[in-house]
Amino acid sequence: MGNLEEKTIGSKEIFSGRIITVKLDEVELPNGKTSTREIVKHPGAVAVLAVTDEQKIVLVEQYRKPMERILVEIPAGKLEKGEDPAICARRELEEETGYVCEEMEHLISFYTSPGFADELVHLYIARGLSVKEDAAGLDEDEFVNLMEVTLDEALSLIKEKRIYDAKTAYAVQYVQLQEALLK
């Protein structure tokens, strides 16, 4: 196997927003030629597979503007700069669902779209759920419906393309492969 690395020759920021930055990198390819790469820089995120005492998965249904449709997803959110992912996971669970948990365990981390973005999602499982009376509440621009479904119902939502995002499908299928997580 030869060298596969691309050496950055130059980099230019072409957009800086509230959530992402986009940059254009000029790179030297392993064969010595040059090319450009459009790269989305993202601070990372967390996603929470929250499981009730009745072994139901907590989901949120929300409108997603980029797809112009409603999707069903596990609770998730963006990391703040320097924030511990476990703390962020607890905050997002409470903000999106009103639940707090006794146990929050890291399952796995994964890149969402490594061909053009550096977003790393940290997936957690939350157990020992209870409703917090004075929950933090949703962000002012966020509106969701709460759902609690069995694993089979979640798998059906994937088939129906209501669960249609990678992090949620990944989490549900991870549980399917590791059904002991729901025990």
N, C-alpha and C. Protein backbone atom coordinates (compact mmCIF):
# COMPACT_ATOMS: atom_id res chain seq x y z
N MET A 1 0.85 -1.19 0.00
CA MET A 1 0.00 0.00 0.00
C MET A 1 0.89 1.24 0.00
N GLY A 2 0.58 2.14 -0.89
CA GLY A 2 1.33 3.38 -0.97
C GLY A 2 0.79 4.42 -0.02
N ASN A 3 1.44 5.55 -0.02
CA ASN A 3 1.02 6.67 0.80
C ASN A 3 -0.30 7.23 0.25
N LEU A 4 -1.28 7.42 1.10
CA LEU A 4 -2.59 7.94 0.69
C LEU A 4 -2.84 9.36 1.17
N GLU A 5 -1.94 9.91 1.95
CA GLU A 5 -2.16 11.22 2.55
C GLU A 5 -2.10 12.34 1.52
N GLU A 6 -2.90 13.38 1.79
CA GLU A 6 -2.90 14.59 0.97
C GLU A 6 -2.32 15.72 1.81
N LYS A 7 -1.28 16.36 1.29
CA LYS A 7 -0.62 17.45 2.01
C LYS A 7 -1.33 18.77 1.67
N THR A 8 -1.70 19.52 2.72
CA THR A 8 -2.35 20.81 2.51
C THR A 8 -1.31 21.84 2.08
N ILE A 9 -1.56 22.45 0.93
CA ILE A 9 -0.66 23.49 0.40
C ILE A 9 -1.16 24.87 0.83
N GLY A 10 -2.48 25.04 0.81
CA GLY A 10 -3.08 26.32 1.20
C GLY A 10 -4.51 26.09 1.65
N SER A 11 -5.02 27.04 2.42
CA SER A 11 -6.38 26.92 2.94
C SER A 11 -7.00 28.30 3.01
N LYS A 12 -8.27 28.39 2.58
CA LYS A 12 -8.97 29.67 2.60
C LYS A 12 -10.37 29.46 3.15
N GLU A 13 -10.74 30.24 4.18
CA GLU A 13 -12.10 30.18 4.72
C GLU A 13 -13.03 30.91 3.75
N ILE A 14 -14.11 30.22 3.34
CA ILE A 14 -15.03 30.85 2.39
C ILE A 14 -16.40 31.15 3.01
N PHE A 15 -16.66 30.60 4.21
CA PHE A 15 -17.91 30.90 4.91
C PHE A 15 -17.72 30.60 6.39
N SER A 16 -18.23 31.49 7.24
CA SER A 16 -18.22 31.25 8.67
C SER A 16 -19.60 31.60 9.22
N GLY A 17 -20.29 30.57 9.75
CA GLY A 17 -21.63 30.77 10.29
C GLY A 17 -21.70 30.44 11.76
N ARG A 18 -22.93 30.34 12.24
CA ARG A 18 -23.17 30.05 13.66
C ARG A 18 -22.80 28.61 14.00
N ILE A 19 -22.98 27.70 13.06
CA ILE A 19 -22.76 26.28 13.33
C ILE A 19 -21.56 25.73 12.57
N ILE A 20 -21.38 26.13 11.33
CA ILE A 20 -20.31 25.56 10.51
C ILE A 20 -19.41 26.65 9.93
N THR A 21 -18.23 26.19 9.53
CA THR A 21 -17.30 26.99 8.74
C THR A 21 -16.98 26.15 7.51
N VAL A 22 -16.88 26.81 6.37
CA VAL A 22 -16.51 26.11 5.14
C VAL A 22 -15.19 26.68 4.67
N LYS A 23 -14.28 25.77 4.34
CA LYS A 23 -12.99 26.22 3.83
C LYS A 23 -12.65 25.48 2.55
N LEU A 24 -11.80 26.08 1.77
CA LEU A 24 -11.33 25.49 0.52
C LEU A 24 -9.83 25.25 0.67
N ASP A 25 -9.46 23.98 0.65
CA ASP A 25 -8.05 23.62 0.79
C ASP A 25 -7.48 23.20 -0.56
N GLU A 26 -6.29 23.66 -0.84
CA GLU A 26 -5.54 23.16 -1.98
C GLU A 26 -4.61 22.08 -1.44
N VAL A 27 -4.61 20.91 -2.06
CA VAL A 27 -3.83 19.79 -1.56
C VAL A 27 -2.93 19.22 -2.64
N GLU A 28 -1.83 18.65 -2.17
CA GLU A 28 -0.95 17.88 -3.05
C GLU A 28 -1.34 16.42 -2.87
N LEU A 29 -1.68 15.77 -3.97
CA LEU A 29 -2.11 14.38 -3.96
C LEU A 29 -0.90 13.44 -3.84
N PRO A 30 -1.13 12.19 -3.48
CA PRO A 30 -0.02 11.23 -3.37
C PRO A 30 0.80 11.09 -4.65
N ASN A 31 0.19 11.37 -5.81
CA ASN A 31 0.92 11.25 -7.08
C ASN A 31 1.64 12.54 -7.47
N GLY A 32 1.61 13.56 -6.59
CA GLY A 32 2.31 14.80 -6.84
C GLY A 32 1.46 15.88 -7.50
N LYS A 33 0.30 15.54 -8.03
CA LYS A 33 -0.59 16.54 -8.64
C LYS A 33 -1.32 17.29 -7.54
N THR A 34 -1.99 18.38 -7.91
CA THR A 34 -2.73 19.16 -6.92
C THR A 34 -4.23 19.11 -7.23
N SER A 35 -5.00 19.36 -6.19
CA SER A 35 -6.46 19.40 -6.30
C SER A 35 -7.00 20.29 -5.19
N THR A 36 -8.32 20.49 -5.17
CA THR A 36 -8.92 21.27 -4.09
C THR A 36 -9.93 20.41 -3.35
N ARG A 37 -10.15 20.75 -2.09
CA ARG A 37 -11.12 20.07 -1.24
C ARG A 37 -11.97 21.12 -0.54
N GLU A 38 -13.29 20.99 -0.67
CA GLU A 38 -14.22 21.82 0.07
C GLU A 38 -14.51 21.10 1.37
N ILE A 39 -14.26 21.75 2.50
CA ILE A 39 -14.35 21.08 3.80
C ILE A 39 -15.28 21.86 4.73
N VAL A 40 -16.23 21.15 5.32
CA VAL A 40 -17.13 21.73 6.31
C VAL A 40 -16.55 21.42 7.69
N LYS A 41 -16.26 22.47 8.44
CA LYS A 41 -15.75 22.32 9.81
C LYS A 41 -16.94 22.44 10.75
N HIS A 42 -17.07 21.48 11.66
CA HIS A 42 -18.21 21.42 12.58
C HIS A 42 -17.65 21.11 13.97
N PRO A 43 -18.23 21.69 15.04
CA PRO A 43 -17.68 21.47 16.38
C PRO A 43 -17.94 20.07 16.95
N GLY A 44 -18.73 19.26 16.26
CA GLY A 44 -19.07 17.93 16.77
C GLY A 44 -20.42 17.95 17.45
N ALA A 45 -20.93 16.78 17.73
CA ALA A 45 -22.27 16.68 18.29
C ALA A 45 -22.38 15.44 19.16
N VAL A 46 -23.51 15.37 19.85
CA VAL A 46 -23.85 14.18 20.63
C VAL A 46 -25.21 13.70 20.16
N ALA A 47 -25.47 12.42 20.38
CA ALA A 47 -26.78 11.83 20.12
C ALA A 47 -27.04 10.87 21.27
N VAL A 48 -28.31 10.81 21.69
CA VAL A 48 -28.65 10.03 22.88
C VAL A 48 -29.72 9.00 22.57
N LEU A 49 -29.37 7.75 22.77
CA LEU A 49 -30.30 6.65 22.67
C LEU A 49 -30.88 6.47 24.08
N ALA A 50 -32.02 7.12 24.33
CA ALA A 50 -32.63 7.10 25.65
C ALA A 50 -33.62 5.94 25.72
N VAL A 51 -33.46 5.08 26.72
CA VAL A 51 -34.29 3.87 26.85
C VAL A 51 -35.05 3.94 28.18
N THR A 52 -36.37 3.83 28.09
CA THR A 52 -37.21 3.88 29.29
C THR A 52 -37.13 2.56 30.05
N ASP A 53 -37.67 2.54 31.26
CA ASP A 53 -37.72 1.30 32.05
C ASP A 53 -38.56 0.23 31.37
N GLU A 54 -39.46 0.66 30.48
CA GLU A 54 -40.30 -0.28 29.72
C GLU A 54 -39.62 -0.72 28.43
N GLN A 55 -38.32 -0.41 28.28
CA GLN A 55 -37.51 -0.79 27.12
C GLN A 55 -37.97 -0.11 25.83
N LYS A 56 -38.49 1.10 25.97
CA LYS A 56 -38.89 1.88 24.79
C LYS A 56 -37.81 2.93 24.50
N ILE A 57 -37.64 3.21 23.23
CA ILE A 57 -36.65 4.19 22.77
C ILE A 57 -37.36 5.54 22.65
N VAL A 58 -36.77 6.56 23.23
CA VAL A 58 -37.33 7.91 23.19
C VAL A 58 -36.85 8.59 21.91
N LEU A 59 -37.82 9.07 21.13
CA LEU A 59 -37.52 9.74 19.86
C LEU A 59 -38.19 11.10 19.84
N VAL A 60 -37.68 11.97 18.99
CA VAL A 60 -38.32 13.26 18.76
C VAL A 60 -38.64 13.38 17.27
N GLU A 61 -39.81 13.93 17.01
CA GLU A 61 -40.25 14.17 15.64
C GLU A 61 -40.13 15.67 15.41
N GLN A 62 -39.41 16.04 14.34
CA GLN A 62 -39.23 17.46 14.09
C GLN A 62 -39.05 17.75 12.61
N TYR A 63 -39.37 18.98 12.25
CA TYR A 63 -39.23 19.42 10.86
C TYR A 63 -37.76 19.74 10.60
N ARG A 64 -37.25 19.24 9.47
CA ARG A 64 -35.87 19.51 9.09
C ARG A 64 -35.86 20.28 7.78
N LYS A 65 -35.49 21.53 7.85
CA LYS A 65 -35.54 22.44 6.70
C LYS A 65 -34.71 21.96 5.51
N PRO A 66 -33.48 21.45 5.70
CA PRO A 66 -32.72 21.03 4.51
C PRO A 66 -33.44 19.96 3.68
N MET A 67 -34.24 19.11 4.31
CA MET A 67 -34.97 18.07 3.59
C MET A 67 -36.41 18.48 3.29
N GLU A 68 -36.85 19.60 3.90
CA GLU A 68 -38.23 20.08 3.74
C GLU A 68 -39.24 19.01 4.15
N ARG A 69 -38.95 18.35 5.29
CA ARG A 69 -39.86 17.31 5.77
C ARG A 69 -39.65 17.04 7.25
N ILE A 70 -40.60 16.31 7.82
CA ILE A 70 -40.53 15.92 9.22
C ILE A 70 -39.77 14.60 9.32
N LEU A 71 -38.83 14.53 10.25
CA LEU A 71 -38.08 13.30 10.50
C LEU A 71 -38.26 12.90 11.96
N VAL A 72 -38.09 11.62 12.22
CA VAL A 72 -38.09 11.08 13.58
C VAL A 72 -36.64 10.75 13.91
N GLU A 73 -36.16 11.28 15.05
CA GLU A 73 -34.75 11.15 15.40
C GLU A 73 -34.56 10.89 16.89
N ILE A 74 -33.38 10.40 17.24
CA ILE A 74 -33.01 10.36 18.64
C ILE A 74 -32.61 11.78 19.04
N PRO A 75 -32.73 12.14 20.32
CA PRO A 75 -32.29 13.47 20.76
C PRO A 75 -30.81 13.67 20.45
N ALA A 76 -30.47 14.87 20.00
CA ALA A 76 -29.09 15.15 19.62
C ALA A 76 -28.86 16.65 19.64
N GLY A 77 -27.59 17.03 19.63
CA GLY A 77 -27.28 18.45 19.58
C GLY A 77 -25.80 18.70 19.43
N LYS A 78 -25.49 19.94 19.10
CA LYS A 78 -24.14 20.39 18.82
C LYS A 78 -23.36 20.62 20.11
N LEU A 79 -22.12 20.24 20.09
CA LEU A 79 -21.21 20.53 21.20
C LEU A 79 -20.83 22.01 21.19
N GLU A 80 -20.77 22.59 22.37
CA GLU A 80 -20.22 23.94 22.50
C GLU A 80 -18.70 23.80 22.55
N LYS A 81 -18.00 24.86 22.23
CA LYS A 81 -16.53 24.81 22.19
C LYS A 81 -15.97 24.33 23.54
N GLY A 82 -15.17 23.26 23.51
CA GLY A 82 -14.53 22.73 24.71
C GLY A 82 -15.45 21.94 25.62
N GLU A 83 -16.70 21.73 25.23
CA GLU A 83 -17.67 21.05 26.10
C GLU A 83 -17.43 19.54 26.15
N ASP A 84 -17.57 18.97 27.32
CA ASP A 84 -17.49 17.53 27.51
C ASP A 84 -18.72 16.89 26.85
N PRO A 85 -18.52 15.94 25.94
CA PRO A 85 -19.67 15.32 25.27
C PRO A 85 -20.69 14.70 26.22
N ALA A 86 -20.26 14.11 27.33
CA ALA A 86 -21.20 13.50 28.27
C ALA A 86 -22.11 14.55 28.91
N ILE A 87 -21.56 15.71 29.20
CA ILE A 87 -22.36 16.81 29.77
C ILE A 87 -23.34 17.32 28.71
N CYS A 88 -22.87 17.47 27.49
CA CYS A 88 -23.72 17.91 26.40
C CYS A 88 -24.86 16.91 26.17
N ALA A 89 -24.57 15.61 26.25
CA ALA A 89 -25.59 14.57 26.04
C ALA A 89 -26.69 14.69 27.09
N ARG A 90 -26.31 14.90 28.33
CA ARG A 90 -27.32 15.07 29.40
C ARG A 90 -28.17 16.33 29.15
N ARG A 91 -27.52 17.41 28.74
CA ARG A 91 -28.24 18.65 28.47
C ARG A 91 -29.21 18.48 27.31
N GLU A 92 -28.76 17.88 26.23
CA GLU A 92 -29.63 17.71 25.06
C GLU A 92 -30.80 16.79 25.37
N LEU A 93 -30.56 15.73 26.14
CA LEU A 93 -31.65 14.83 26.52
C LEU A 93 -32.72 15.61 27.27
N GLU A 94 -32.30 16.42 28.23
CA GLU A 94 -33.25 17.20 29.03
C GLU A 94 -33.96 18.25 28.19
N GLU A 95 -33.19 18.99 27.37
CA GLU A 95 -33.79 20.06 26.57
C GLU A 95 -34.81 19.54 25.56
N GLU A 96 -34.49 18.43 24.90
CA GLU A 96 -35.36 17.95 23.83
C GLU A 96 -36.50 17.06 24.32
N THR A 97 -36.33 16.41 25.48
CA THR A 97 -37.34 15.44 25.91
C THR A 97 -37.93 15.72 27.29
N GLY A 98 -37.25 16.52 28.10
CA GLY A 98 -37.69 16.74 29.47
C GLY A 98 -37.22 15.64 30.42
N TYR A 99 -36.50 14.65 29.90
CA TYR A 99 -35.99 13.55 30.72
C TYR A 99 -34.61 13.86 31.27
N VAL A 100 -34.34 13.35 32.47
CA VAL A 100 -33.00 13.26 33.01
C VAL A 100 -32.73 11.76 33.20
N CYS A 101 -31.48 11.40 33.38
CA CYS A 101 -31.17 9.98 33.49
C CYS A 101 -30.23 9.71 34.66
N GLU A 102 -30.30 8.49 35.16
CA GLU A 102 -29.38 8.05 36.21
C GLU A 102 -28.06 7.61 35.61
N GLU A 103 -28.12 7.04 34.40
CA GLU A 103 -26.92 6.47 33.78
C GLU A 103 -26.79 6.96 32.35
N MET A 104 -25.59 7.45 32.01
CA MET A 104 -25.28 7.89 30.65
C MET A 104 -23.97 7.21 30.27
N GLU A 105 -24.02 6.33 29.28
CA GLU A 105 -22.84 5.55 28.89
C GLU A 105 -22.50 5.82 27.43
N HIS A 106 -21.23 6.10 27.16
CA HIS A 106 -20.77 6.31 25.79
C HIS A 106 -20.75 4.97 25.07
N LEU A 107 -21.36 4.91 23.90
CA LEU A 107 -21.37 3.68 23.10
C LEU A 107 -20.28 3.70 22.04
N ILE A 108 -20.27 4.76 21.23
CA ILE A 108 -19.36 4.82 20.10
C ILE A 108 -19.37 6.24 19.55
N SER A 109 -18.33 6.61 18.83
CA SER A 109 -18.29 7.89 18.12
C SER A 109 -18.06 7.60 16.65
N PHE A 110 -18.62 8.46 15.79
CA PHE A 110 -18.49 8.22 14.34
C PHE A 110 -18.57 9.53 13.57
N TYR A 111 -17.92 9.55 12.41
CA TYR A 111 -17.98 10.70 11.52
C TYR A 111 -19.23 10.58 10.66
N THR A 112 -19.92 11.70 10.46
CA THR A 112 -21.18 11.66 9.71
C THR A 112 -20.95 11.63 8.20
N SER A 113 -20.05 12.43 7.70
CA SER A 113 -19.82 12.55 6.25
C SER A 113 -18.36 12.88 5.99
N PRO A 114 -17.46 11.92 6.19
CA PRO A 114 -16.02 12.23 6.13
C PRO A 114 -15.50 12.64 4.76
N GLY A 115 -16.31 12.52 3.73
CA GLY A 115 -15.88 12.97 2.41
C GLY A 115 -15.79 14.48 2.29
N PHE A 116 -16.55 15.20 3.15
CA PHE A 116 -16.51 16.66 3.06
C PHE A 116 -16.64 17.37 4.40
N ALA A 117 -16.89 16.63 5.49
CA ALA A 117 -17.09 17.29 6.79
C ALA A 117 -16.32 16.56 7.88
N ASP A 118 -15.95 17.33 8.93
CA ASP A 118 -15.22 16.72 10.05
C ASP A 118 -16.11 16.49 11.27
N GLU A 119 -17.45 16.57 11.10
CA GLU A 119 -18.36 16.39 12.23
C GLU A 119 -18.22 14.99 12.82
N LEU A 120 -17.95 14.95 14.13
CA LEU A 120 -17.85 13.70 14.88
C LEU A 120 -19.01 13.66 15.86
N VAL A 121 -19.83 12.60 15.79
CA VAL A 121 -20.97 12.44 16.68
C VAL A 121 -20.62 11.40 17.74
N HIS A 122 -20.88 11.74 19.00
CA HIS A 122 -20.65 10.85 20.13
C HIS A 122 -22.02 10.28 20.53
N LEU A 123 -22.18 8.97 20.38
CA LEU A 123 -23.46 8.32 20.69
C LEU A 123 -23.43 7.76 22.11
N TYR A 124 -24.45 8.13 22.88
CA TYR A 124 -24.60 7.68 24.26
C TYR A 124 -25.89 6.91 24.41
N ILE A 125 -25.93 6.03 25.42
CA ILE A 125 -27.18 5.40 25.81
C ILE A 125 -27.51 5.91 27.21
N ALA A 126 -28.77 6.30 27.40
CA ALA A 126 -29.23 6.82 28.69
C ALA A 126 -30.26 5.86 29.26
N ARG A 127 -30.09 5.52 30.53
CA ARG A 127 -31.02 4.64 31.22
C ARG A 127 -31.41 5.28 32.56
N GLY A 128 -32.45 4.71 33.19
CA GLY A 128 -32.92 5.27 34.46
C GLY A 128 -33.54 6.63 34.25
N LEU A 129 -34.42 6.71 33.26
CA LEU A 129 -35.02 7.99 32.89
C LEU A 129 -36.12 8.41 33.87
N SER A 130 -36.20 9.69 34.10
CA SER A 130 -37.33 10.26 34.84
C SER A 130 -37.57 11.65 34.28
N VAL A 131 -38.82 12.10 34.39
CA VAL A 131 -39.18 13.43 33.88
C VAL A 131 -38.76 14.47 34.91
N LYS A 132 -38.03 15.46 34.44
CA LYS A 132 -37.61 16.55 35.32
C LYS A 132 -38.70 17.60 35.30
N GLU A 133 -39.19 17.93 36.48
CA GLU A 133 -40.32 18.88 36.59
C GLU A 133 -39.98 20.25 36.01
N ASP A 134 -38.78 20.74 36.29
CA ASP A 134 -38.38 22.06 35.79
C ASP A 134 -37.34 21.91 34.68
N ALA A 135 -37.65 21.07 33.70
CA ALA A 135 -36.72 20.80 32.60
C ALA A 135 -36.34 22.10 31.90
N ALA A 136 -35.12 22.10 31.35
CA ALA A 136 -34.57 23.31 30.72
C ALA A 136 -35.43 23.81 29.57
N GLY A 137 -36.05 22.93 28.85
CA GLY A 137 -36.91 23.36 27.74
C GLY A 137 -36.15 23.50 26.45
N LEU A 138 -36.90 23.47 25.36
CA LEU A 138 -36.33 23.56 24.03
C LEU A 138 -35.74 24.93 23.75
N ASP A 139 -34.83 24.96 22.76
CA ASP A 139 -34.37 26.24 22.26
C ASP A 139 -35.58 26.95 21.65
N GLU A 140 -35.54 28.28 21.62
CA GLU A 140 -36.70 29.03 21.15
C GLU A 140 -37.04 28.78 19.68
N ASP A 141 -36.10 28.25 18.89
CA ASP A 141 -36.38 27.97 17.48
C ASP A 141 -36.51 26.47 17.20
N GLU A 142 -36.77 25.70 18.24
CA GLU A 142 -36.86 24.24 18.10
C GLU A 142 -38.23 23.76 18.58
N PHE A 143 -38.89 22.96 17.73
CA PHE A 143 -40.21 22.43 18.03
C PHE A 143 -40.20 20.94 17.76
N VAL A 144 -40.57 20.12 18.75
CA VAL A 144 -40.55 18.67 18.59
C VAL A 144 -41.78 18.03 19.21
N ASN A 145 -42.11 16.85 18.70
CA ASN A 145 -43.09 15.97 19.32
C ASN A 145 -42.32 14.78 19.88
N LEU A 146 -42.65 14.38 21.09
CA LEU A 146 -41.98 13.27 21.76
C LEU A 146 -42.67 11.95 21.41
N MET A 147 -41.89 10.90 21.19
CA MET A 147 -42.40 9.56 20.91
C MET A 147 -41.63 8.55 21.75
N GLU A 148 -42.27 7.47 22.14
CA GLU A 148 -41.59 6.35 22.78
C GLU A 148 -42.02 5.10 22.02
N VAL A 149 -41.03 4.37 21.47
CA VAL A 149 -41.33 3.23 20.62
C VAL A 149 -40.49 2.01 21.01
N THR A 150 -40.99 0.85 20.66
CA THR A 150 -40.22 -0.38 20.86
C THR A 150 -39.15 -0.46 19.77
N LEU A 151 -38.22 -1.38 19.93
CA LEU A 151 -37.20 -1.59 18.91
C LEU A 151 -37.85 -1.96 17.58
N ASP A 152 -38.84 -2.86 17.60
CA ASP A 152 -39.53 -3.25 16.36
C ASP A 152 -40.21 -2.06 15.71
N GLU A 153 -40.83 -1.20 16.51
CA GLU A 153 -41.47 -0.01 15.95
C GLU A 153 -40.44 0.95 15.35
N ALA A 154 -39.29 1.07 15.99
CA ALA A 154 -38.22 1.91 15.45
C ALA A 154 -37.72 1.36 14.12
N LEU A 155 -37.57 0.04 14.04
CA LEU A 155 -37.15 -0.58 12.78
C LEU A 155 -38.18 -0.34 11.68
N SER A 156 -39.46 -0.36 12.04
CA SER A 156 -40.52 -0.06 11.08
C SER A 156 -40.44 1.39 10.61
N LEU A 157 -40.12 2.31 11.53
CA LEU A 157 -39.97 3.70 11.15
C LEU A 157 -38.81 3.91 10.16
N ILE A 158 -37.77 3.08 10.27
CA ILE A 158 -36.68 3.13 9.29
C ILE A 158 -37.20 2.67 7.94
N LYS A 159 -37.92 1.55 7.90
CA LYS A 159 -38.48 1.04 6.64
C LYS A 159 -39.42 2.05 5.99
N GLU A 160 -40.19 2.76 6.82
CA GLU A 160 -41.14 3.76 6.33
C GLU A 160 -40.46 5.07 5.94
N LYS A 161 -39.16 5.18 6.16
CA LYS A 161 -38.36 6.38 5.90
C LYS A 161 -38.83 7.57 6.72
N ARG A 162 -39.38 7.30 7.90
CA ARG A 162 -39.66 8.37 8.87
C ARG A 162 -38.41 8.60 9.70
N ILE A 163 -37.71 7.52 10.06
CA ILE A 163 -36.34 7.63 10.56
C ILE A 163 -35.49 7.55 9.30
N TYR A 164 -34.84 8.67 8.97
CA TYR A 164 -34.15 8.74 7.68
C TYR A 164 -32.81 9.46 7.80
N ASP A 165 -32.35 9.62 9.04
CA ASP A 165 -31.05 10.24 9.26
C ASP A 165 -30.08 9.18 9.76
N ALA A 166 -28.82 9.38 9.46
CA ALA A 166 -27.81 8.37 9.75
C ALA A 166 -27.63 8.09 11.23
N LYS A 167 -27.60 9.13 12.07
CA LYS A 167 -27.33 8.90 13.49
C LYS A 167 -28.41 8.06 14.14
N THR A 168 -29.67 8.30 13.78
CA THR A 168 -30.77 7.55 14.39
C THR A 168 -30.82 6.13 13.85
N ALA A 169 -30.70 5.97 12.54
CA ALA A 169 -30.69 4.62 11.96
C ALA A 169 -29.51 3.82 12.53
N TYR A 170 -28.37 4.47 12.65
CA TYR A 170 -27.18 3.83 13.20
C TYR A 170 -27.45 3.36 14.63
N ALA A 171 -28.03 4.25 15.44
CA ALA A 171 -28.30 3.92 16.85
C ALA A 171 -29.30 2.76 16.97
N VAL A 172 -30.37 2.82 16.20
CA VAL A 172 -31.39 1.76 16.25
C VAL A 172 -30.79 0.43 15.80
N GLN A 173 -30.03 0.46 14.72
CA GLN A 173 -29.45 -0.78 14.24
C GLN A 173 -28.32 -1.28 15.15
N TYR A 174 -27.65 -0.37 15.83
CA TYR A 174 -26.65 -0.76 16.83
C TYR A 174 -27.34 -1.54 17.94
N VAL A 175 -28.49 -1.02 18.39
CA VAL A 175 -29.25 -1.71 19.44
C VAL A 175 -29.74 -3.06 18.94
N GLN A 176 -30.20 -3.11 17.70
CA GLN A 176 -30.67 -4.37 17.14
C GLN A 176 -29.56 -5.43 17.19
N LEU A 177 -28.34 -4.99 16.88
CA LEU A 177 -27.21 -5.92 16.93
C LEU A 177 -26.78 -6.24 18.36
N GLN A 178 -27.04 -5.32 19.25
CA GLN A 178 -26.62 -5.48 20.65
C GLN A 178 -27.85 -5.46 21.54
N GLU A 179 -28.82 -6.32 21.29
CA GLU A 179 -30.08 -6.26 22.01
C GLU A 179 -29.91 -6.32 23.53
N ALA A 180 -28.78 -6.78 23.97
CA ALA A 180 -28.53 -6.82 25.42
C ALA A 180 -28.56 -5.41 26.01
N LEU A 181 -28.35 -4.37 25.18
CA LEU A 181 -28.40 -2.99 25.66
C LEU A 181 -29.77 -2.63 26.21
N LEU A 182 -30.83 -3.29 25.71
CA LEU A 182 -32.17 -3.00 26.17
C LEU A 182 -32.59 -3.84 27.35
N LYS A 183 -31.71 -4.68 27.84
CA LYS A 183 -32.06 -5.55 28.98
C LYS A 183 -31.70 -4.89 30.28
